[in-house]
Amino acid sequence: MGVHSGSGKVFNWFANMTAVAGLLTWFGISVTYIRFYAGMKVQGIDRTKLPFASRLQPYAAWYAAIGCFIISVVSVGCISYYSSSA
């Protein structure tokens, strides 16, 4: 991989794909929590009875989901734009 001139481009692709995959993982975690919270609300379970309850939830989960989604879309768009122009 170090011999060819395209090895840096391949490495950047792998690094970018890994970063976007990590963001999509956090997006999935946030969406899972939002649905968990909605399910508990429908069943009438008080969230404060759980072993841990954050005052920032569910707003932090919405913030994280929206932020991860926007960053992922912008990252993929930038990756596609710059790799097609090279």
PDB file of N, CA and C in Angstrom:
ATOM      1  N   MET A   1       0.814  -1.180   0.000  1.00  0.00           N
ATOM      2  CA  MET A   1       0.000   0.000   0.000  1.00  0.00           C
ATOM      3  C   MET A   1       0.869   1.260   0.000  1.00  0.00           C
ATOM      4  N   GLY A   2       2.039   1.215   0.576  1.00  0.00           N
ATOM      5  CA  GLY A   2       2.899   2.382   0.639  1.00  0.00           C
ATOM      6  C   GLY A   2       3.648   2.641  -0.646  1.00  0.00           C
ATOM      7  N   VAL A   3       3.631   1.712  -1.595  1.00  0.00           N
ATOM      8  CA  VAL A   3       4.396   1.843  -2.824  1.00  0.00           C
ATOM      9  C   VAL A   3       3.667   2.706  -3.854  1.00  0.00           C
ATOM     10  N   HIS A   4       2.366   2.578  -3.904  1.00  0.00           N
ATOM     11  CA  HIS A   4       1.593   3.271  -4.938  1.00  0.00           C
ATOM     12  C   HIS A   4       1.213   4.684  -4.500  1.00  0.00           C
ATOM     13  N   SER A   5       1.001   5.545  -5.480  1.00  0.00           N
ATOM     14  CA  SER A   5       0.647   6.933  -5.176  1.00  0.00           C
ATOM     15  C   SER A   5      -0.781   7.066  -4.653  1.00  0.00           C
ATOM     16  N   GLY A   6      -1.635   6.097  -4.921  1.00  0.00           N
ATOM     17  CA  GLY A   6      -3.021   6.155  -4.469  1.00  0.00           C
ATOM     18  C   GLY A   6      -3.230   5.631  -3.062  1.00  0.00           C
ATOM     19  N   SER A   7      -2.160   5.237  -2.393  1.00  0.00           N
ATOM     20  CA  SER A   7      -2.316   4.656  -1.051  1.00  0.00           C
ATOM     21  C   SER A   7      -2.824   5.696  -0.049  1.00  0.00           C
ATOM     22  N   GLY A   8      -2.429   6.930  -0.192  1.00  0.00           N
ATOM     23  CA  GLY A   8      -2.928   7.983   0.699  1.00  0.00           C
ATOM     24  C   GLY A   8      -4.415   8.219   0.511  1.00  0.00           C
ATOM     25  N   LYS A   9      -4.871   8.143  -0.731  1.00  0.00           N
ATOM     26  CA  LYS A   9      -6.297   8.311  -1.020  1.00  0.00           C
ATOM     27  C   LYS A   9      -7.104   7.169  -0.405  1.00  0.00           C
ATOM     28  N   VAL A  10      -6.580   5.946  -0.507  1.00  0.00           N
ATOM     29  CA  VAL A  10      -7.259   4.786   0.073  1.00  0.00           C
ATOM     30  C   VAL A  10      -7.315   4.911   1.589  1.00  0.00           C
ATOM     31  N   PHE A  11      -6.213   5.339   2.192  1.00  0.00           N
ATOM     32  CA  PHE A  11      -6.195   5.522   3.642  1.00  0.00           C
ATOM     33  C   PHE A  11      -7.215   6.568   4.076  1.00  0.00           C
ATOM     34  N   ASN A  12      -7.306   7.667   3.353  1.00  0.00           N
ATOM     35  CA  ASN A  12      -8.294   8.703   3.678  1.00  0.00           C
ATOM     36  C   ASN A  12      -9.717   8.176   3.556  1.00  0.00           C
ATOM     37  N   TRP A  13      -9.970   7.353   2.537  1.00  0.00           N
ATOM     38  CA  TRP A  13     -11.296   6.752   2.407  1.00  0.00           C
ATOM     39  C   TRP A  13     -11.621   5.886   3.616  1.00  0.00           C
ATOM     40  N   PHE A  14     -10.674   5.034   4.032  1.00  0.00           N
ATOM     41  CA  PHE A  14     -10.906   4.176   5.196  1.00  0.00           C
ATOM     42  C   PHE A  14     -11.114   5.011   6.461  1.00  0.00           C
ATOM     43  N   ALA A  15     -10.338   6.059   6.630  1.00  0.00           N
ATOM     44  CA  ALA A  15     -10.484   6.906   7.812  1.00  0.00           C
ATOM     45  C   ALA A  15     -11.838   7.618   7.805  1.00  0.00           C
ATOM     46  N   ASN A  16     -12.254   8.113   6.662  1.00  0.00           N
ATOM     47  CA  ASN A  16     -13.549   8.796   6.558  1.00  0.00           C
ATOM     48  C   ASN A  16     -14.712   7.832   6.771  1.00  0.00           C
ATOM     49  N   MET A  17     -14.608   6.630   6.198  1.00  0.00           N
ATOM     50  CA  MET A  17     -15.672   5.645   6.391  1.00  0.00           C
ATOM     51  C   MET A  17     -15.788   5.243   7.856  1.00  0.00           C
ATOM     52  N   THR A  18     -14.662   5.118   8.543  1.00  0.00           N
ATOM     53  CA  THR A  18     -14.677   4.767   9.958  1.00  0.00           C
ATOM     54  C   THR A  18     -15.311   5.879  10.788  1.00  0.00           C
ATOM     55  N   ALA A  19     -14.996   7.119  10.473  1.00  0.00           N
ATOM     56  CA  ALA A  19     -15.574   8.250  11.207  1.00  0.00           C
ATOM     57  C   ALA A  19     -17.086   8.322  11.007  1.00  0.00           C
ATOM     58  N   VAL A  20     -17.538   8.155   9.782  1.00  0.00           N
ATOM     59  CA  VAL A  20     -18.975   8.204   9.507  1.00  0.00           C
ATOM     60  C   VAL A  20     -19.676   7.013  10.160  1.00  0.00           C
ATOM     61  N   ALA A  21     -19.049   5.853  10.154  1.00  0.00           N
ATOM     62  CA  ALA A  21     -19.640   4.680  10.810  1.00  0.00           C
ATOM     63  C   ALA A  21     -19.792   4.920  12.311  1.00  0.00           C
ATOM     64  N   GLY A  22     -18.814   5.566  12.925  1.00  0.00           N
ATOM     65  CA  GLY A  22     -18.921   5.895  14.347  1.00  0.00           C
ATOM     66  C   GLY A  22     -20.061   6.866  14.616  1.00  0.00           C
ATOM     67  N   LEU A  23     -20.200   7.867  13.759  1.00  0.00           N
ATOM     68  CA  LEU A  23     -21.306   8.819  13.917  1.00  0.00           C
ATOM     69  C   LEU A  23     -22.663   8.141  13.739  1.00  0.00           C
ATOM     70  N   LEU A  24     -22.761   7.236  12.783  1.00  0.00           N
ATOM     71  CA  LEU A  24     -24.019   6.528  12.576  1.00  0.00           C
ATOM     72  C   LEU A  24     -24.337   5.601  13.749  1.00  0.00           C
ATOM     73  N   THR A  25     -23.305   5.069  14.393  1.00  0.00           N
ATOM     74  CA  THR A  25     -23.521   4.259  15.590  1.00  0.00           C
ATOM     75  C   THR A  25     -24.125   5.106  16.704  1.00  0.00           C
ATOM     76  N   TRP A  26     -23.573   6.291  16.923  1.00  0.00           N
ATOM     77  CA  TRP A  26     -24.125   7.180  17.945  1.00  0.00           C
ATOM     78  C   TRP A  26     -25.527   7.651  17.575  1.00  0.00           C
ATOM     79  N   PHE A  27     -25.785   7.832  16.291  1.00  0.00           N
ATOM     80  CA  PHE A  27     -27.134   8.172  15.834  1.00  0.00           C
ATOM     81  C   PHE A  27     -28.104   7.050  16.207  1.00  0.00           C
ATOM     82  N   GLY A  28     -27.699   5.824  15.968  1.00  0.00           N
ATOM     83  CA  GLY A  28     -28.536   4.677  16.318  1.00  0.00           C
ATOM     84  C   GLY A  28     -28.782   4.561  17.809  1.00  0.00           C
ATOM     85  N   ILE A  29     -27.769   4.824  18.607  1.00  0.00           N
ATOM     86  CA  ILE A  29     -27.919   4.790  20.066  1.00  0.00           C
ATOM     87  C   ILE A  29     -28.911   5.854  20.516  1.00  0.00           C
ATOM     88  N   SER A  30     -28.818   7.036  19.943  1.00  0.00           N
ATOM     89  CA  SER A  30     -29.731   8.126  20.311  1.00  0.00           C
ATOM     90  C   SER A  30     -31.170   7.805  19.929  1.00  0.00           C
ATOM     91  N   VAL A  31     -31.367   7.276  18.738  1.00  0.00           N
ATOM     92  CA  VAL A  31     -32.716   6.919  18.301  1.00  0.00           C
ATOM     93  C   VAL A  31     -33.271   5.793  19.182  1.00  0.00           C
ATOM     94  N   THR A  32     -32.435   4.840  19.541  1.00  0.00           N
ATOM     95  CA  THR A  32     -32.876   3.761  20.423  1.00  0.00           C
ATOM     96  C   THR A  32     -33.325   4.310  21.767  1.00  0.00           C
ATOM     97  N   TYR A  33     -32.577   5.264  22.314  1.00  0.00           N
ATOM     98  CA  TYR A  33     -32.992   5.847  23.596  1.00  0.00           C
ATOM     99  C   TYR A  33     -34.297   6.626  23.461  1.00  0.00           C
ATOM    100  N   ILE A  34     -34.448   7.362  22.368  1.00  0.00           N
ATOM    101  CA  ILE A  34     -35.684   8.134  22.164  1.00  0.00           C
ATOM    102  C   ILE A  34     -36.886   7.200  22.124  1.00  0.00           C
ATOM    103  N   ARG A  35     -36.761   6.081  21.430  1.00  0.00           N
ATOM    104  CA  ARG A  35     -37.858   5.114  21.372  1.00  0.00           C
ATOM    105  C   ARG A  35     -38.081   4.439  22.731  1.00  0.00           C
ATOM    106  N   PHE A  36     -36.999   4.153  23.470  1.00  0.00           N
ATOM    107  CA  PHE A  36     -37.101   3.587  24.814  1.00  0.00           C
ATOM    108  C   PHE A  36     -37.854   4.545  25.738  1.00  0.00           C
ATOM    109  N   TYR A  37     -37.509   5.813  25.643  1.00  0.00           N
ATOM    110  CA  TYR A  37     -38.157   6.837  26.455  1.00  0.00           C
ATOM    111  C   TYR A  37     -39.646   6.928  26.118  1.00  0.00           C
ATOM    112  N   ALA A  38     -39.970   6.897  24.841  1.00  0.00           N
ATOM    113  CA  ALA A  38     -41.370   6.955  24.420  1.00  0.00           C
ATOM    114  C   ALA A  38     -42.131   5.723  24.902  1.00  0.00           C
ATOM    115  N   GLY A  39     -41.496   4.557  24.848  1.00  0.00           N
ATOM    116  CA  GLY A  39     -42.139   3.340  25.321  1.00  0.00           C
ATOM    117  C   GLY A  39     -42.402   3.371  26.816  1.00  0.00           C
ATOM    118  N   MET A  40     -41.447   3.891  27.579  1.00  0.00           N
ATOM    119  CA  MET A  40     -41.647   4.005  29.023  1.00  0.00           C
ATOM    120  C   MET A  40     -42.767   4.990  29.340  1.00  0.00           C
ATOM    121  N   LYS A  41     -42.841   6.062  28.577  1.00  0.00           N
ATOM    122  CA  LYS A  41     -43.876   7.071  28.788  1.00  0.00           C
ATOM    123  C   LYS A  41     -45.263   6.484  28.520  1.00  0.00           C
ATOM    124  N   VAL A  42     -45.394   5.707  27.446  1.00  0.00           N
ATOM    125  CA  VAL A  42     -46.675   5.098  27.091  1.00  0.00           C
ATOM    126  C   VAL A  42     -47.106   4.090  28.159  1.00  0.00           C
ATOM    127  N   GLN A  43     -46.144   3.354  28.710  1.00  0.00           N
ATOM    128  CA  GLN A  43     -46.466   2.349  29.722  1.00  0.00           C
ATOM    129  C   GLN A  43     -46.654   2.950  31.110  1.00  0.00           C
ATOM    130  N   GLY A  44     -46.389   4.224  31.247  1.00  0.00           N
ATOM    131  CA  GLY A  44     -46.587   4.892  32.524  1.00  0.00           C
ATOM    132  C   GLY A  44     -45.484   4.630  33.541  1.00  0.00           C
ATOM    133  N   ILE A  45     -44.302   4.262  33.086  1.00  0.00           N
ATOM    134  CA  ILE A  45     -43.169   4.007  33.978  1.00  0.00           C
ATOM    135  C   ILE A  45     -42.436   5.317  34.213  1.00  0.00           C
ATOM    136  N   ASP A  46     -42.209   5.641  35.473  1.00  0.00           N
ATOM    137  CA  ASP A  46     -41.506   6.871  35.825  1.00  0.00           C
ATOM    138  C   ASP A  46     -40.010   6.676  35.618  1.00  0.00           C
ATOM    139  N   ARG A  47     -39.415   7.539  34.809  1.00  0.00           N
ATOM    140  CA  ARG A  47     -37.987   7.420  34.484  1.00  0.00           C
ATOM    141  C   ARG A  47     -37.091   7.663  35.685  1.00  0.00           C
ATOM    142  N   THR A  48     -37.560   8.420  36.648  1.00  0.00           N
ATOM    143  CA  THR A  48     -36.737   8.711  37.819  1.00  0.00           C
ATOM    144  C   THR A  48     -36.573   7.493  38.730  1.00  0.00           C
ATOM    145  N   LYS A  49     -37.346   6.444  38.495  1.00  0.00           N
ATOM    146  CA  LYS A  49     -37.221   5.218  39.297  1.00  0.00           C
ATOM    147  C   LYS A  49     -36.099   4.312  38.795  1.00  0.00           C
ATOM    148  N   LEU A  50     -35.536   4.640  37.655  1.00  0.00           N
ATOM    149  CA  LEU A  50     -34.419   3.865  37.130  1.00  0.00           C
ATOM    150  C   LEU A  50     -33.162   4.139  37.956  1.00  0.00           C
ATOM    151  N   PRO A  51     -32.174   3.217  37.905  1.00  0.00           N
ATOM    152  CA  PRO A  51     -30.943   3.436  38.675  1.00  0.00           C
ATOM    153  C   PRO A  51     -30.212   4.731  38.321  1.00  0.00           C
ATOM    154  N   PHE A  52     -30.353   5.206  37.100  1.00  0.00           N
ATOM    155  CA  PHE A  52     -29.716   6.452  36.693  1.00  0.00           C
ATOM    156  C   PHE A  52     -30.688   7.244  35.832  1.00  0.00           C
ATOM    157  N   ALA A  53     -30.819   8.502  36.124  1.00  0.00           N
ATOM    158  CA  ALA A  53     -31.679   9.382  35.331  1.00  0.00           C
ATOM    159  C   ALA A  53     -30.975  10.725  35.154  1.00  0.00           C
ATOM    160  N   SER A  54     -30.836  11.135  33.911  1.00  0.00           N
ATOM    161  CA  SER A  54     -30.201  12.406  33.611  1.00  0.00           C
ATOM    162  C   SER A  54     -31.271  13.480  33.418  1.00  0.00           C
ATOM    163  N   ARG A  55     -30.985  14.667  33.880  1.00  0.00           N
ATOM    164  CA  ARG A  55     -31.922  15.778  33.694  1.00  0.00           C
ATOM    165  C   ARG A  55     -31.949  16.266  32.249  1.00  0.00           C
ATOM    166  N   LEU A  56     -30.927  15.934  31.484  1.00  0.00           N
ATOM    167  CA  LEU A  56     -30.831  16.418  30.108  1.00  0.00           C
ATOM    168  C   LEU A  56     -31.622  15.574  29.110  1.00  0.00           C
ATOM    169  N   GLN A  57     -32.068  14.414  29.539  1.00  0.00           N
ATOM    170  CA  GLN A  57     -32.787  13.529  28.621  1.00  0.00           C
ATOM    171  C   GLN A  57     -34.256  13.883  28.598  1.00  0.00           C
ATOM    172  N   PRO A  58     -34.934  13.735  27.510  1.00  0.00           N
ATOM    173  CA  PRO A  58     -34.562  13.198  26.199  1.00  0.00           C
ATOM    174  C   PRO A  58     -33.978  14.243  25.253  1.00  0.00           C
ATOM    175  N   TYR A  59     -33.797  15.475  25.749  1.00  0.00           N
ATOM    176  CA  TYR A  59     -33.305  16.547  24.873  1.00  0.00           C
ATOM    177  C   TYR A  59     -31.886  16.278  24.372  1.00  0.00           C
ATOM    178  N   ALA A  60     -31.051  15.703  25.210  1.00  0.00           N
ATOM    179  CA  ALA A  60     -29.683  15.390  24.787  1.00  0.00           C
ATOM    180  C   ALA A  60     -29.681  14.325  23.696  1.00  0.00           C
ATOM    181  N   ALA A  61     -30.588  13.372  23.782  1.00  0.00           N
ATOM    182  CA  ALA A  61     -30.679  12.329  22.750  1.00  0.00           C
ATOM    183  C   ALA A  61     -31.124  12.925  21.414  1.00  0.00           C
ATOM    184  N   TRP A  62     -32.086  13.834  21.447  1.00  0.00           N
ATOM    185  CA  TRP A  62     -32.511  14.504  20.210  1.00  0.00           C
ATOM    186  C   TRP A  62     -31.381  15.340  19.625  1.00  0.00           C
ATOM    187  N   TYR A  63     -30.680  16.071  20.476  1.00  0.00           N
ATOM    188  CA  TYR A  63     -29.543  16.898  20.042  1.00  0.00           C
ATOM    189  C   TYR A  63     -28.469  16.025  19.400  1.00  0.00           C
ATOM    190  N   ALA A  64     -28.149  14.894  20.041  1.00  0.00           N
ATOM    191  CA  ALA A  64     -27.123  13.997  19.514  1.00  0.00           C
ATOM    192  C   ALA A  64     -27.558  13.367  18.197  1.00  0.00           C
ATOM    193  N   ALA A  65     -28.809  12.930  18.123  1.00  0.00           N
ATOM    194  CA  ALA A  65     -29.292  12.297  16.888  1.00  0.00           C
ATOM    195  C   ALA A  65     -29.267  13.272  15.719  1.00  0.00           C
ATOM    196  N   ILE A  66     -29.772  14.465  15.926  1.00  0.00           N
ATOM    197  CA  ILE A  66     -29.804  15.455  14.851  1.00  0.00           C
ATOM    198  C   ILE A  66     -28.389  15.886  14.475  1.00  0.00           C
ATOM    199  N   GLY A  67     -27.551  16.110  15.483  1.00  0.00           N
ATOM    200  CA  GLY A  67     -26.172  16.513  15.212  1.00  0.00           C
ATOM    201  C   GLY A  67     -25.387  15.456  14.457  1.00  0.00           C
ATOM    202  N   CYS A  68     -25.498  14.204  14.873  1.00  0.00           N
ATOM    203  CA  CYS A  68     -24.795  13.115  14.181  1.00  0.00           C
ATOM    204  C   CYS A  68     -25.292  12.956  12.752  1.00  0.00           C
ATOM    205  N   PHE A  69     -26.600  13.084  12.566  1.00  0.00           N
ATOM    206  CA  PHE A  69     -27.147  12.950  11.217  1.00  0.00           C
ATOM    207  C   PHE A  69     -26.631  14.062  10.305  1.00  0.00           C
ATOM    208  N   ILE A  70     -26.656  15.287  10.778  1.00  0.00           N
ATOM    209  CA  ILE A  70     -26.199  16.420   9.951  1.00  0.00           C
ATOM    210  C   ILE A  70     -24.717  16.299   9.630  1.00  0.00           C
ATOM    211  N   ILE A  71     -23.917  15.968  10.628  1.00  0.00           N
ATOM    212  CA  ILE A  71     -22.470  15.838  10.392  1.00  0.00           C
ATOM    213  C   ILE A  71     -22.186  14.700   9.422  1.00  0.00           C
ATOM    214  N   SER A  72     -22.917  13.590   9.542  1.00  0.00           N
ATOM    215  CA  SER A  72     -22.710  12.457   8.630  1.00  0.00           C
ATOM    216  C   SER A  72     -23.055  12.830   7.195  1.00  0.00           C
ATOM    217  N   VAL A  73     -24.171  13.516   7.009  1.00  0.00           N
ATOM    218  CA  VAL A  73     -24.579  13.901   5.651  1.00  0.00           C
ATOM    219  C   VAL A  73     -23.582  14.885   5.053  1.00  0.00           C
ATOM    220  N   VAL A  74     -23.156  15.853   5.836  1.00  0.00           N
ATOM    221  CA  VAL A  74     -22.182  16.832   5.339  1.00  0.00           C
ATOM    222  C   VAL A  74     -20.844  16.154   5.049  1.00  0.00           C
ATOM    223  N   SER A  75     -20.426  15.240   5.910  1.00  0.00           N
ATOM    224  CA  SER A  75     -19.155  14.533   5.703  1.00  0.00           C
ATOM    225  C   SER A  75     -19.191  13.705   4.435  1.00  0.00           C
ATOM    226  N   VAL A  76     -20.263  12.957   4.238  1.00  0.00           N
ATOM    227  CA  VAL A  76     -20.373  12.136   3.032  1.00  0.00           C
ATOM    228  C   VAL A  76     -20.434  13.023   1.798  1.00  0.00           C
ATOM    229  N   GLY A  77     -21.146  14.140   1.883  1.00  0.00           N
ATOM    230  CA  GLY A  77     -21.210  15.065   0.756  1.00  0.00           C
ATOM    231  C   GLY A  77     -19.855  15.652   0.423  1.00  0.00           C
ATOM    232  N   CYS A  78     -19.102  16.027   1.441  1.00  0.00           N
ATOM    233  CA  CYS A  78     -17.761  16.583   1.206  1.00  0.00           C
ATOM    234  C   CYS A  78     -16.821  15.526   0.655  1.00  0.00           C
ATOM    235  N   ILE A  79     -16.922  14.313   1.174  1.00  0.00           N
ATOM    236  CA  ILE A  79     -16.072  13.222   0.686  1.00  0.00           C
ATOM    237  C   ILE A  79     -16.370  12.959  -0.783  1.00  0.00           C
ATOM    238  N   SER A  80     -17.650  12.902  -1.130  1.00  0.00           N
ATOM    239  CA  SER A  80     -18.033  12.642  -2.519  1.00  0.00           C
ATOM    240  C   SER A  80     -17.584  13.784  -3.439  1.00  0.00           C
ATOM    241  N   TYR A  81     -17.759  15.012  -2.983  1.00  0.00           N
ATOM    242  CA  TYR A  81     -17.393  16.171  -3.812  1.00  0.00           C
ATOM    243  C   TYR A  81     -15.897  16.214  -4.068  1.00  0.00           C
ATOM    244  N   TYR A  82     -15.096  16.073  -3.003  1.00  0.00           N
ATOM    245  CA  TYR A  82     -13.658  16.208  -3.168  1.00  0.00           C
ATOM    246  C   TYR A  82     -13.027  15.005  -3.854  1.00  0.00           C
ATOM    247  N   SER A  83     -13.605  13.830  -3.717  1.00  0.00           N
ATOM    248  CA  SER A  83     -13.013  12.678  -4.391  1.00  0.00           C
ATOM    249  C   SER A  83     -13.376  12.649  -5.876  1.00  0.00           C
ATOM    250  N   SER A  84     -14.508  13.242  -6.261  1.00  0.00           N
ATOM    251  CA  SER A  84     -14.861  13.277  -7.679  1.00  0.00           C
ATOM    252  C   SER A  84     -14.106  14.379  -8.421  1.00  0.00           C
ATOM    253  N   SER A  85     -13.681  15.422  -7.717  1.00  0.00           N
ATOM    254  CA  SER A  85     -12.972  16.512  -8.369  1.00  0.00           C
ATOM    255  C   SER A  85     -11.481  16.254  -8.502  1.00  0.00           C
ATOM    256  N   ALA A  86     -10.986  15.233  -7.813  1.00  0.00           N
ATOM    257  CA  ALA A  86      -9.543  14.940  -7.876  1.00  0.00           C
ATOM    258  C   ALA A  86      -9.175  14.131  -9.079  1.00  0.00           C
TER     259      ALA A  86
END
